[in-house]
Amino acid sequence: MGQWLSGLFRTADEMRLAALGDAEFLDTAYRLLGGAVANIAALVFMTAISYFKPLGKIRKTARKS
């Protein structure tokens, strides 16, 4: 993802507003945006699961010695 972002910055710096008409530039930008949205959705999901505990709390059992 870092290489994609570097490529976007380089293309935007070279082409300025014309980069918005470049299909490869837009495709990469949408892929990065999709990845960011997926990461945020996963974080929200994991936080909700951790907070609400739909399967109940885990009980600790006594160890047998």
Protein backbone atom coordinates (compact mmCIF):
# COMPACT_ATOMS: atom_id res chain seq x y z
CA MET A 1 0.00 0.00 0.00
CA GLY A 2 2.92 2.30 0.66
CA GLN A 3 4.12 1.98 -2.91
CA TRP A 4 0.63 2.75 -4.20
CA LEU A 5 0.44 5.87 -2.06
CA SER A 6 3.91 7.01 -3.18
CA GLY A 7 2.87 6.47 -6.79
CA LEU A 8 -0.28 8.54 -6.27
CA PHE A 9 1.70 11.41 -4.76
CA ARG A 10 4.26 11.27 -7.58
CA THR A 11 1.55 11.22 -10.27
CA ALA A 12 -0.41 14.01 -8.61
CA ASP A 13 2.74 16.13 -8.32
CA GLU A 14 3.63 15.61 -11.98
CA MET A 15 0.18 15.85 -13.56
CA ARG A 16 -1.64 18.14 -11.09
CA LEU A 17 -5.38 18.29 -11.93
CA ALA A 18 -4.93 16.20 -15.07
CA ALA A 19 -4.30 13.22 -12.77
CA LEU A 20 -8.02 13.18 -11.96
CA GLY A 21 -8.67 12.13 -15.56
CA ASP A 22 -6.10 9.32 -15.51
CA ALA A 23 -7.79 5.90 -15.18
CA GLU A 24 -4.78 4.25 -13.49
CA PHE A 25 -4.55 7.07 -10.94
CA LEU A 26 -8.24 6.81 -10.09
CA ASP A 27 -8.14 3.01 -9.91
CA THR A 28 -5.26 3.10 -7.45
CA ALA A 29 -6.92 5.83 -5.40
CA TYR A 30 -10.16 3.84 -5.16
CA ARG A 31 -8.26 0.70 -4.16
CA LEU A 32 -6.49 2.59 -1.37
CA LEU A 33 -9.76 4.10 -0.22
CA GLY A 34 -11.41 0.66 -0.24
CA GLY A 35 -8.57 -0.76 1.85
CA ALA A 36 -8.89 2.05 4.37
CA VAL A 37 -12.65 1.55 4.64
CA ALA A 38 -12.17 -2.21 5.11
CA ASN A 39 -9.62 -1.62 7.88
CA ILE A 40 -11.91 0.81 9.70
CA ALA A 41 -14.88 -1.56 9.36
CA ALA A 42 -12.80 -4.43 10.78
CA LEU A 43 -11.68 -2.26 13.70
CA VAL A 44 -15.27 -1.20 14.48
CA PHE A 45 -16.45 -4.83 14.24
CA MET A 46 -13.71 -6.13 16.56
CA THR A 47 -14.35 -3.33 19.05
CA ALA A 48 -18.10 -4.08 19.07
CA ILE A 49 -17.52 -7.80 19.52
CA SER A 50 -15.08 -7.11 22.34
CA TYR A 51 -17.45 -4.73 24.10
CA PHE A 52 -20.80 -6.55 23.72
CA LYS A 53 -19.45 -10.14 24.07
CA PRO A 54 -22.34 -11.86 22.21
CA LEU A 55 -21.08 -15.34 23.14
CA GLY A 56 -20.74 -14.49 26.82
CA LYS A 57 -17.72 -14.01 28.99
CA ILE A 58 -15.07 -16.72 29.12
CA ARG A 59 -15.08 -18.50 32.45
CA LYS A 60 -11.84 -19.50 34.06
CA THR A 61 -11.84 -23.05 35.30
CA ALA A 62 -9.88 -24.34 38.27
CA ARG A 63 -6.70 -26.14 37.27
CA LYS A 64 -6.22 -29.70 38.36
CA SER A 65 -2.85 -30.34 39.96
